[in-house]
PDB file of N, CA and C in Angstrom:
ATOM      1  N   MET A   1       7.327   6.122 -33.627  1.00  0.00           N
ATOM      2  CA  MET A   1       6.162   5.500 -32.943  1.00  0.00           C
ATOM      3  C   MET A   1       6.574   5.263 -31.435  1.00  0.00           C
ATOM      4  N   GLY A   2       7.170   5.391 -31.365  1.00  0.00           N
ATOM      5  CA  GLY A   2       8.280   4.639 -30.450  1.00  0.00           C
ATOM      6  C   GLY A   2       7.822   4.792 -28.995  1.00  0.00           C
ATOM      7  N   HIS A   3       6.998   6.296 -28.615  1.00  0.00           N
ATOM      8  CA  HIS A   3       6.481   6.283 -27.240  1.00  0.00           C
ATOM      9  C   HIS A   3       4.928   6.643 -26.997  1.00  0.00           C
ATOM     10  N   MET A   4       4.107   5.803 -28.093  1.00  0.00           N
ATOM     11  CA  MET A   4       2.764   5.667 -27.486  1.00  0.00           C
ATOM     12  C   MET A   4       3.308   5.072 -26.278  1.00  0.00           C
ATOM     13  N   ALA A   5       1.652   5.251 -25.621  1.00  0.00           N
ATOM     14  CA  ALA A   5       1.964   4.675 -24.301  1.00  0.00           C
ATOM     15  C   ALA A   5       0.952   3.293 -24.439  1.00  0.00           C
ATOM     16  N   GLU A   6       1.554   2.277 -24.054  1.00  0.00           N
ATOM     17  CA  GLU A   6       0.289   0.675 -24.026  1.00  0.00           C
ATOM     18  C   GLU A   6      -0.655   1.539 -22.513  1.00  0.00           C
ATOM     19  N   LEU A   7      -2.125   0.705 -23.248  1.00  0.00           N
ATOM     20  CA  LEU A   7      -3.165   0.674 -22.509  1.00  0.00           C
ATOM     21  C   LEU A   7      -3.396  -0.288 -21.270  1.00  0.00           C
ATOM     22  N   LEU A   8      -3.360   0.018 -20.884  1.00  0.00           N
ATOM     23  CA  LEU A   8      -3.596  -0.879 -19.495  1.00  0.00           C
ATOM     24  C   LEU A   8      -4.805  -1.923 -20.022  1.00  0.00           C
ATOM     25  N   SER A   9      -4.959  -3.214 -19.398  1.00  0.00           N
ATOM     26  CA  SER A   9      -5.948  -3.859 -19.428  1.00  0.00           C
ATOM     27  C   SER A   9      -7.159  -4.033 -18.347  1.00  0.00           C
ATOM     28  N   ASP A  10      -8.093  -4.126 -18.759  1.00  0.00           N
ATOM     29  CA  ASP A  10      -8.936  -4.435 -16.875  1.00  0.00           C
ATOM     30  C   ASP A  10      -8.876  -4.926 -15.559  1.00  0.00           C
ATOM     31  N   ALA A  11      -7.450  -5.745 -15.980  1.00  0.00           N
ATOM     32  CA  ALA A  11      -6.896  -5.880 -15.285  1.00  0.00           C
ATOM     33  C   ALA A  11      -6.286  -5.347 -14.194  1.00  0.00           C
ATOM     34  N   ASP A  12      -5.562  -4.420 -15.330  1.00  0.00           N
ATOM     35  CA  ASP A  12      -4.279  -3.624 -14.521  1.00  0.00           C
ATOM     36  C   ASP A  12      -5.411  -2.864 -13.730  1.00  0.00           C
ATOM     37  N   VAL A  13      -6.555  -2.205 -14.619  1.00  0.00           N
ATOM     38  CA  VAL A  13      -7.152  -1.033 -14.252  1.00  0.00           C
ATOM     39  C   VAL A  13      -7.358  -1.008 -12.929  1.00  0.00           C
ATOM     40  N   THR A  14      -8.240  -2.388 -13.059  1.00  0.00           N
ATOM     41  CA  THR A  14      -8.720  -3.156 -10.893  1.00  0.00           C
ATOM     42  C   THR A  14      -7.989  -2.784 -10.320  1.00  0.00           C
ATOM     43  N   ALA A  15      -6.283  -3.586 -10.290  1.00  0.00           N
ATOM     44  CA  ALA A  15      -4.959  -3.245  -9.614  1.00  0.00           C
ATOM     45  C   ALA A  15      -4.872  -2.194  -9.123  1.00  0.00           C
ATOM     46  N   ALA A  16      -4.689  -1.004 -10.621  1.00  0.00           N
ATOM     47  CA  ALA A  16      -4.590   0.258  -9.758  1.00  0.00           C
ATOM     48  C   ALA A  16      -5.673   1.228  -8.591  1.00  0.00           C
ATOM     49  N   LEU A  17      -6.471   1.116  -9.132  1.00  0.00           N
ATOM     50  CA  LEU A  17      -8.211   1.493  -8.944  1.00  0.00           C
ATOM     51  C   LEU A  17      -7.604   1.082  -6.965  1.00  0.00           C
ATOM     52  N   ALA A  18      -6.927  -0.511  -6.589  1.00  0.00           N
ATOM     53  CA  ALA A  18      -7.299  -1.213  -5.555  1.00  0.00           C
ATOM     54  C   ALA A  18      -6.206   0.026  -4.353  1.00  0.00           C
ATOM     55  N   ASP A  19      -4.859   0.629  -5.090  1.00  0.00           N
ATOM     56  CA  ASP A  19      -4.222   1.535  -4.534  1.00  0.00           C
ATOM     57  C   ASP A  19      -4.360   2.817  -4.771  1.00  0.00           C
ATOM     58  N   LEU A  20      -5.627   3.044  -5.474  1.00  0.00           N
ATOM     59  CA  LEU A  20      -5.888   4.969  -5.257  1.00  0.00           C
ATOM     60  C   LEU A  20      -6.938   5.004  -4.585  1.00  0.00           C
ATOM     61  N   ASP A  21      -6.764   6.799  -3.895  1.00  0.00           N
ATOM     62  CA  ASP A  21      -8.234   6.728  -2.736  1.00  0.00           C
ATOM     63  C   ASP A  21      -8.827   7.509  -3.999  1.00  0.00           C
ATOM     64  N   GLY A  22      -9.906   6.663  -3.635  1.00  0.00           N
ATOM     65  CA  GLY A  22     -11.514   7.412  -4.145  1.00  0.00           C
ATOM     66  C   GLY A  22     -11.878   7.705  -5.379  1.00  0.00           C
ATOM     67  N   TRP A  23     -11.189   6.939  -6.534  1.00  0.00           N
ATOM     68  CA  TRP A  23     -10.347   6.972  -7.539  1.00  0.00           C
ATOM     69  C   TRP A  23     -11.695   5.589  -8.479  1.00  0.00           C
ATOM     70  N   GLU A  24     -12.947   6.277  -9.027  1.00  0.00           N
ATOM     71  CA  GLU A  24     -13.058   5.250  -9.887  1.00  0.00           C
ATOM     72  C   GLU A  24     -13.308   5.117 -10.861  1.00  0.00           C
ATOM     73  N   ARG A  25     -13.110   3.964 -11.988  1.00  0.00           N
ATOM     74  CA  ARG A  25     -13.639   3.912 -13.191  1.00  0.00           C
ATOM     75  C   ARG A  25     -14.867   4.440 -14.004  1.00  0.00           C
ATOM     76  N   ASP A  26     -14.584   5.356 -15.338  1.00  0.00           N
ATOM     77  CA  ASP A  26     -15.662   6.164 -16.145  1.00  0.00           C
ATOM     78  C   ASP A  26     -15.325   5.908 -17.784  1.00  0.00           C
ATOM     79  N   GLY A  27     -15.703   4.632 -18.026  1.00  0.00           N
ATOM     80  CA  GLY A  27     -15.734   4.273 -19.603  1.00  0.00           C
ATOM     81  C   GLY A  27     -13.784   3.716 -18.971  1.00  0.00           C
ATOM     82  N   ASP A  28     -12.775   4.681 -20.414  1.00  0.00           N
ATOM     83  CA  ASP A  28     -11.515   4.706 -20.649  1.00  0.00           C
ATOM     84  C   ASP A  28     -11.317   5.880 -19.452  1.00  0.00           C
ATOM     85  N   SER A  29     -12.117   6.678 -18.165  1.00  0.00           N
ATOM     86  CA  SER A  29     -11.234   7.623 -17.461  1.00  0.00           C
ATOM     87  C   SER A  29     -11.285   7.163 -16.179  1.00  0.00           C
ATOM     88  N   ILE A  30     -10.123   7.461 -15.550  1.00  0.00           N
ATOM     89  CA  ILE A  30     -10.474   7.173 -13.816  1.00  0.00           C
ATOM     90  C   ILE A  30     -10.312   8.587 -13.674  1.00  0.00           C
ATOM     91  N   VAL A  31     -11.882   8.854 -12.604  1.00  0.00           N
ATOM     92  CA  VAL A  31     -12.593   9.928 -12.022  1.00  0.00           C
ATOM     93  C   VAL A  31     -12.402   9.943 -10.665  1.00  0.00           C
ATOM     94  N   ARG A  32     -11.987  11.409  -9.553  1.00  0.00           N
ATOM     95  CA  ARG A  32     -12.356  11.699  -8.557  1.00  0.00           C
ATOM     96  C   ARG A  32     -12.468  12.914  -7.826  1.00  0.00           C
ATOM     97  N   THR A  33     -13.348  12.865  -7.284  1.00  0.00           N
ATOM     98  CA  THR A  33     -14.336  13.747  -6.652  1.00  0.00           C
ATOM     99  C   THR A  33     -13.252  13.967  -5.618  1.00  0.00           C
ATOM    100  N   ALA A  34     -12.992  15.650  -5.215  1.00  0.00           N
ATOM    101  CA  ALA A  34     -12.418  15.876  -3.812  1.00  0.00           C
ATOM    102  C   ALA A  34     -13.108  16.825  -3.595  1.00  0.00           C
ATOM    103  N   GLU A  35     -13.427  17.342  -1.845  1.00  0.00           N
ATOM    104  CA  GLU A  35     -13.537  18.646  -1.512  1.00  0.00           C
ATOM    105  C   GLU A  35     -12.517  18.740  -0.790  1.00  0.00           C
ATOM    106  N   LEU A  36     -12.114  20.062  -0.503  1.00  0.00           N
ATOM    107  CA  LEU A  36     -11.100  20.297   0.150  1.00  0.00           C
ATOM    108  C   LEU A  36     -12.037  21.363   1.378  1.00  0.00           C
ATOM    109  N   PRO A  37     -10.377  22.182   2.127  1.00  0.00           N
ATOM    110  CA  PRO A  37     -11.407  22.917   3.090  1.00  0.00           C
ATOM    111  C   PRO A  37     -11.704  24.173   2.803  1.00  0.00           C
ATOM    112  N   SER A  38     -11.485  24.209   1.887  1.00  0.00           N
ATOM    113  CA  SER A  38     -11.624  25.775   1.322  1.00  0.00           C
ATOM    114  C   SER A  38     -11.704  26.549  -0.384  1.00  0.00           C
ATOM    115  N   PHE A  39     -12.269  27.101  -0.729  1.00  0.00           N
ATOM    116  CA  PHE A  39     -11.731  27.313  -2.287  1.00  0.00           C
ATOM    117  C   PHE A  39     -10.387  27.872  -2.408  1.00  0.00           C
ATOM    118  N   PRO A  40      -9.441  28.580  -1.602  1.00  0.00           N
ATOM    119  CA  PRO A  40      -7.952  29.172  -1.949  1.00  0.00           C
ATOM    120  C   PRO A  40      -7.098  27.664  -1.673  1.00  0.00           C
ATOM    121  N   ASP A  41      -7.638  26.608  -0.966  1.00  0.00           N
ATOM    122  CA  ASP A  41      -6.833  25.109  -0.787  1.00  0.00           C
ATOM    123  C   ASP A  41      -6.958  24.526  -1.741  1.00  0.00           C
ATOM    124  N   ALA A  42      -8.906  24.539  -2.190  1.00  0.00           N
ATOM    125  CA  ALA A  42      -8.657  23.772  -4.168  1.00  0.00           C
ATOM    126  C   ALA A  42      -8.016  24.746  -5.044  1.00  0.00           C
ATOM    127  N   ILE A  43      -7.829  25.843  -4.955  1.00  0.00           N
ATOM    128  CA  ILE A  43      -7.258  26.058  -6.024  1.00  0.00           C
ATOM    129  C   ILE A  43      -5.793  25.767  -6.667  1.00  0.00           C
ATOM    130  N   ALA A  44      -5.411  26.491  -5.066  1.00  0.00           N
ATOM    131  CA  ALA A  44      -3.186  25.357  -4.750  1.00  0.00           C
ATOM    132  C   ALA A  44      -3.321  24.228  -4.957  1.00  0.00           C
ATOM    133  N   VAL A  45      -4.510  23.513  -4.681  1.00  0.00           N
ATOM    134  CA  VAL A  45      -3.956  21.555  -5.349  1.00  0.00           C
ATOM    135  C   VAL A  45      -3.770  21.593  -6.784  1.00  0.00           C
ATOM    136  N   VAL A  46      -5.115  23.118  -7.561  1.00  0.00           N
ATOM    137  CA  VAL A  46      -5.313  22.760  -8.306  1.00  0.00           C
ATOM    138  C   VAL A  46      -4.041  23.072  -9.733  1.00  0.00           C
ATOM    139  N   ASP A  47      -3.454  24.175  -9.233  1.00  0.00           N
ATOM    140  CA  ASP A  47      -2.238  24.292  -9.748  1.00  0.00           C
ATOM    141  C   ASP A  47      -0.839  24.225  -9.031  1.00  0.00           C
ATOM    142  N   ARG A  48      -0.605  22.856  -8.084  1.00  0.00           N
ATOM    143  CA  ARG A  48      -0.034  21.565  -7.910  1.00  0.00           C
ATOM    144  C   ARG A  48      -0.106  21.011  -8.898  1.00  0.00           C
ATOM    145  N   VAL A  49      -0.687  20.632  -9.229  1.00  0.00           N
ATOM    146  CA  VAL A  49      -1.340  19.330 -10.167  1.00  0.00           C
ATOM    147  C   VAL A  49      -1.356  19.943 -11.923  1.00  0.00           C
ATOM    148  N   ALA A  50      -1.397  21.180 -11.700  1.00  0.00           N
ATOM    149  CA  ALA A  50      -0.676  21.438 -13.053  1.00  0.00           C
ATOM    150  C   ALA A  50       0.037  21.708 -13.510  1.00  0.00           C
ATOM    151  N   GLN A  51       0.853  21.773 -12.406  1.00  0.00           N
ATOM    152  CA  GLN A  51       2.740  21.514 -12.506  1.00  0.00           C
ATOM    153  C   GLN A  51       2.921  20.522 -12.635  1.00  0.00           C
ATOM    154  N   ASP A  52       2.391  19.775 -12.016  1.00  0.00           N
ATOM    155  CA  ASP A  52       2.876  17.724 -11.603  1.00  0.00           C
ATOM    156  C   ASP A  52       2.657  17.260 -13.332  1.00  0.00           C
ATOM    157  N   ALA A  53       1.521  17.534 -13.816  1.00  0.00           N
ATOM    158  CA  ALA A  53       0.593  17.307 -15.592  1.00  0.00           C
ATOM    159  C   ALA A  53       1.949  17.905 -16.495  1.00  0.00           C
ATOM    160  N   GLU A  54       2.352  19.487 -16.400  1.00  0.00           N
ATOM    161  CA  GLU A  54       2.630  19.534 -17.471  1.00  0.00           C
ATOM    162  C   GLU A  54       4.564  19.217 -17.414  1.00  0.00           C
ATOM    163  N   GLU A  55       5.040  18.978 -15.896  1.00  0.00           N
ATOM    164  CA  GLU A  55       6.392  18.126 -16.218  1.00  0.00           C
ATOM    165  C   GLU A  55       6.537  16.969 -16.552  1.00  0.00           C
ATOM    166  N   ARG A  56       4.826  16.064 -16.199  1.00  0.00           N
ATOM    167  CA  ARG A  56       4.727  15.305 -17.265  1.00  0.00           C
ATOM    168  C   ARG A  56       4.128  15.054 -18.242  1.00  0.00           C
ATOM    169  N   ASP A  57       3.673  16.195 -19.085  1.00  0.00           N
ATOM    170  CA  ASP A  57       3.429  16.636 -19.878  1.00  0.00           C
ATOM    171  C   ASP A  57       2.000  15.119 -20.602  1.00  0.00           C
ATOM    172  N   HIS A  58       0.971  15.156 -18.957  1.00  0.00           N
ATOM    173  CA  HIS A  58       0.080  14.274 -19.061  1.00  0.00           C
ATOM    174  C   HIS A  58      -0.386  15.583 -18.206  1.00  0.00           C
ATOM    175  N   HIS A  59      -1.850  15.693 -19.426  1.00  0.00           N
ATOM    176  CA  HIS A  59      -2.723  17.129 -18.602  1.00  0.00           C
ATOM    177  C   HIS A  59      -4.299  16.172 -18.084  1.00  0.00           C
ATOM    178  N   PRO A  60      -4.854  15.794 -16.514  1.00  0.00           N
ATOM    179  CA  PRO A  60      -6.094  16.005 -16.591  1.00  0.00           C
ATOM    180  C   PRO A  60      -6.498  16.855 -16.958  1.00  0.00           C
ATOM    181  N   ASP A  61      -8.382  16.057 -17.046  1.00  0.00           N
ATOM    182  CA  ASP A  61      -9.182  17.587 -17.089  1.00  0.00           C
ATOM    183  C   ASP A  61      -9.776  17.752 -15.929  1.00  0.00           C
ATOM    184  N   ILE A  62     -10.420  19.297 -15.355  1.00  0.00           N
ATOM    185  CA  ILE A  62     -10.523  19.614 -14.249  1.00  0.00           C
ATOM    186  C   ILE A  62     -11.496  20.016 -13.846  1.00  0.00           C
ATOM    187  N   ASP A  63     -12.322  19.833 -12.706  1.00  0.00           N
ATOM    188  CA  ASP A  63     -13.799  20.946 -12.419  1.00  0.00           C
ATOM    189  C   ASP A  63     -13.486  21.097 -11.259  1.00  0.00           C
ATOM    190  N   ILE A  64     -13.734  22.372 -11.158  1.00  0.00           N
ATOM    191  CA  ILE A  64     -14.108  23.128  -9.881  1.00  0.00           C
ATOM    192  C   ILE A  64     -15.175  23.578  -9.716  1.00  0.00           C
ATOM    193  N   ARG A  65     -15.422  23.428  -8.592  1.00  0.00           N
ATOM    194  CA  ARG A  65     -16.819  24.071  -8.037  1.00  0.00           C
ATOM    195  C   ARG A  65     -17.221  24.014  -6.565  1.00  0.00           C
ATOM    196  N   TRP A  66     -16.573  25.317  -6.428  1.00  0.00           N
ATOM    197  CA  TRP A  66     -16.178  26.131  -5.068  1.00  0.00           C
ATOM    198  C   TRP A  66     -14.834  25.157  -4.244  1.00  0.00           C
ATOM    199  N   ARG A  67     -15.129  24.464  -3.225  1.00  0.00           N
ATOM    200  CA  ARG A  67     -13.933  23.596  -2.446  1.00  0.00           C
ATOM    201  C   ARG A  67     -14.277  22.598  -3.493  1.00  0.00           C
ATOM    202  N   THR A  68     -14.999  22.276  -4.570  1.00  0.00           N
ATOM    203  CA  THR A  68     -15.258  20.924  -4.237  1.00  0.00           C
ATOM    204  C   THR A  68     -13.774  20.586  -6.232  1.00  0.00           C
ATOM    205  N   LEU A  69     -13.654  19.487  -5.922  1.00  0.00           N
ATOM    206  CA  LEU A  69     -12.315  19.267  -7.612  1.00  0.00           C
ATOM    207  C   LEU A  69     -13.062  17.889  -7.957  1.00  0.00           C
ATOM    208  N   THR A  70     -13.351  17.800  -9.089  1.00  0.00           N
ATOM    209  CA  THR A  70     -13.077  16.688  -9.839  1.00  0.00           C
ATOM    210  C   THR A  70     -12.287  16.642 -11.215  1.00  0.00           C
ATOM    211  N   PHE A  71     -11.864  14.881 -10.862  1.00  0.00           N
ATOM    212  CA  PHE A  71     -10.381  14.731 -11.829  1.00  0.00           C
ATOM    213  C   PHE A  71     -10.992  13.986 -12.780  1.00  0.00           C
ATOM    214  N   ARG A  72      -9.962  13.727 -14.143  1.00  0.00           N
ATOM    215  CA  ARG A  72     -10.671  12.779 -14.849  1.00  0.00           C
ATOM    216  C   ARG A  72      -9.257  13.306 -15.675  1.00  0.00           C
ATOM    217  N   LEU A  73      -8.960  11.516 -15.695  1.00  0.00           N
ATOM    218  CA  LEU A  73      -7.952  11.327 -16.051  1.00  0.00           C
ATOM    219  C   LEU A  73      -7.869  10.176 -17.975  1.00  0.00           C
ATOM    220  N   SER A  74      -7.267  10.047 -18.261  1.00  0.00           N
ATOM    221  CA  SER A  74      -7.573   9.178 -19.943  1.00  0.00           C
ATOM    222  C   SER A  74      -6.305   9.817 -20.538  1.00  0.00           C
ATOM    223  N   THR A  75      -5.752   8.806 -20.850  1.00  0.00           N
ATOM    224  CA  THR A  75      -4.611   9.525 -22.268  1.00  0.00           C
ATOM    225  C   THR A  75      -4.974   8.796 -23.572  1.00  0.00           C
ATOM    226  N   HIS A  76      -5.634  10.048 -23.903  1.00  0.00           N
ATOM    227  CA  HIS A  76      -6.099  10.413 -25.266  1.00  0.00           C
ATOM    228  C   HIS A  76      -5.306   9.974 -26.401  1.00  0.00           C
ATOM    229  N   SER A  77      -4.188   9.593 -26.006  1.00  0.00           N
ATOM    230  CA  SER A  77      -3.378   9.974 -27.267  1.00  0.00           C
ATOM    231  C   SER A  77      -3.747   7.933 -27.848  1.00  0.00           C
ATOM    232  N   ALA A  78      -3.975   6.905 -26.860  1.00  0.00           N
ATOM    233  CA  ALA A  78      -3.732   6.101 -26.581  1.00  0.00           C
ATOM    234  C   ALA A  78      -5.221   4.933 -26.660  1.00  0.00           C
ATOM    235  N   GLY A  79      -5.993   6.132 -26.942  1.00  0.00           N
ATOM    236  CA  GLY A  79      -7.773   6.144 -26.355  1.00  0.00           C
ATOM    237  C   GLY A  79      -8.163   4.849 -25.697  1.00  0.00           C
ATOM    238  N   GLY A  80      -7.754   5.369 -23.989  1.00  0.00           N
ATOM    239  CA  GLY A  80      -8.214   4.801 -22.529  1.00  0.00           C
ATOM    240  C   GLY A  80      -6.904   5.001 -22.039  1.00  0.00           C
ATOM    241  N   LEU A  81      -7.001   4.232 -20.804  1.00  0.00           N
ATOM    242  CA  LEU A  81      -6.020   4.076 -19.684  1.00  0.00           C
ATOM    243  C   LEU A  81      -4.661   3.609 -19.581  1.00  0.00           C
ATOM    244  N   THR A  82      -3.959   4.415 -19.001  1.00  0.00           N
ATOM    245  CA  THR A  82      -2.708   4.163 -19.313  1.00  0.00           C
ATOM    246  C   THR A  82      -1.811   4.003 -18.564  1.00  0.00           C
ATOM    247  N   ALA A  83       0.049   3.558 -17.553  1.00  0.00           N
ATOM    248  CA  ALA A  83       0.435   3.656 -17.182  1.00  0.00           C
ATOM    249  C   ALA A  83       0.517   5.551 -16.321  1.00  0.00           C
ATOM    250  N   LYS A  84       0.429   6.526 -17.554  1.00  0.00           N
ATOM    251  CA  LYS A  84       0.352   7.296 -16.968  1.00  0.00           C
ATOM    252  C   LYS A  84      -1.149   8.276 -16.405  1.00  0.00           C
ATOM    253  N   ASP A  85      -1.940   7.500 -17.041  1.00  0.00           N
ATOM    254  CA  ASP A  85      -2.941   7.761 -16.096  1.00  0.00           C
ATOM    255  C   ASP A  85      -2.910   7.522 -14.312  1.00  0.00           C
ATOM    256  N   THR A  86      -2.294   6.387 -14.369  1.00  0.00           N
ATOM    257  CA  THR A  86      -2.629   6.246 -12.691  1.00  0.00           C
ATOM    258  C   THR A  86      -0.953   6.746 -11.831  1.00  0.00           C
ATOM    259  N   GLU A  87      -0.024   7.108 -12.813  1.00  0.00           N
ATOM    260  CA  GLU A  87       0.603   7.303 -11.640  1.00  0.00           C
ATOM    261  C   GLU A  87       0.245   9.137 -11.602  1.00  0.00           C
ATOM    262  N   LEU A  88      -0.205   9.517 -12.270  1.00  0.00           N
ATOM    263  CA  LEU A  88      -0.482  11.308 -12.546  1.00  0.00           C
ATOM    264  C   LEU A  88      -1.891  11.112 -10.765  1.00  0.00           C
ATOM    265  N   ALA A  89      -2.807  10.161 -10.790  1.00  0.00           N
ATOM    266  CA  ALA A  89      -3.701   9.731  -9.522  1.00  0.00           C
ATOM    267  C   ALA A  89      -2.871   9.707  -8.355  1.00  0.00           C
ATOM    268  N   LEU A  90      -2.021   8.974  -8.730  1.00  0.00           N
ATOM    269  CA  LEU A  90      -1.491   8.939  -7.277  1.00  0.00           C
ATOM    270  C   LEU A  90      -0.822  10.330  -6.984  1.00  0.00           C
ATOM    271  N   GLN A  91       0.085  11.125  -7.577  1.00  0.00           N
ATOM    272  CA  GLN A  91       0.469  12.629  -7.596  1.00  0.00           C
ATOM    273  C   GLN A  91      -0.792  13.153  -7.302  1.00  0.00           C
ATOM    274  N   ILE A  92      -2.059  13.237  -7.885  1.00  0.00           N
ATOM    275  CA  ILE A  92      -3.339  13.847  -7.466  1.00  0.00           C
ATOM    276  C   ILE A  92      -3.605  13.852  -5.772  1.00  0.00           C
ATOM    277  N   ASP A  93      -3.338  12.652  -5.421  1.00  0.00           N
ATOM    278  CA  ASP A  93      -3.825  12.137  -4.264  1.00  0.00           C
ATOM    279  C   ASP A  93      -2.723  12.309  -2.883  1.00  0.00           C
ATOM    280  N   ALA A  94      -1.548  12.504  -3.544  1.00  0.00           N
ATOM    281  CA  ALA A  94      -0.493  13.091  -2.659  1.00  0.00           C
ATOM    282  C   ALA A  94      -0.831  14.604  -2.113  1.00  0.00           C
ATOM    283  N   ARG A  95      -0.984  15.825  -3.744  1.00  0.00           N
ATOM    284  CA  ARG A  95      -1.452  16.593  -3.079  1.00  0.00           C
ATOM    285  C   ARG A  95      -2.730  16.906  -2.236  1.00  0.00           C
ATOM    286  N   ILE A  96      -3.959  15.917  -2.512  1.00  0.00           N
ATOM    287  CA  ILE A  96      -5.147  16.117  -2.229  1.00  0.00           C
ATOM    288  C   ILE A  96      -4.947  16.144  -0.614  1.00  0.00           C
ATOM    289  N   ALA A  97      -4.150  15.110   0.232  1.00  0.00           N
ATOM    290  CA  ALA A  97      -3.995  14.293   1.266  1.00  0.00           C
ATOM    291  C   ALA A  97      -3.119  16.052   1.879  1.00  0.00           C
ATOM    292  N   ALA A  98      -2.472  16.341   0.833  1.00  0.00           N
ATOM    293  CA  ALA A  98      -1.774  18.041   1.928  1.00  0.00           C
ATOM    294  C   ALA A  98      -2.275  18.308   1.841  1.00  0.00           C
ATOM    295  N   ALA A  99      -3.343  18.791   1.351  1.00  0.00           N
ATOM    296  CA  ALA A  99      -3.726  19.560   1.615  1.00  0.00           C
ATOM    297  C   ALA A  99      -5.103  19.871   2.255  1.00  0.00           C
ATOM    298  N   GLN A 100      -5.678  18.920   3.075  1.00  0.00           N
ATOM    299  CA  GLN A 100      -6.927  18.584   3.488  1.00  0.00           C
ATOM    300  C   GLN A 100      -6.442  18.515   5.293  1.00  0.00           C
TER     301      GLN A 100
END
């Protein structure tokens, strides 16, 4: 049972969102939508985020609509938001910033 991720408190989530670019809380998830310069740029970001997620064994839901990407993070095994989500959100922010 040792490596179940610990849920963040509401205060922890609020504090983490202050450091994240464009993320909002949606129930037990955090969500960010970003528009990239082109469809290939958007797909490149998705590819990089997929690699980051695989390394962390923590996978976001990703919605692709032409140049617009929506990322949704939640730790399903823990039933809500954990540090895994906020850490991956920071990495997603870096990937988006590098592509814009």
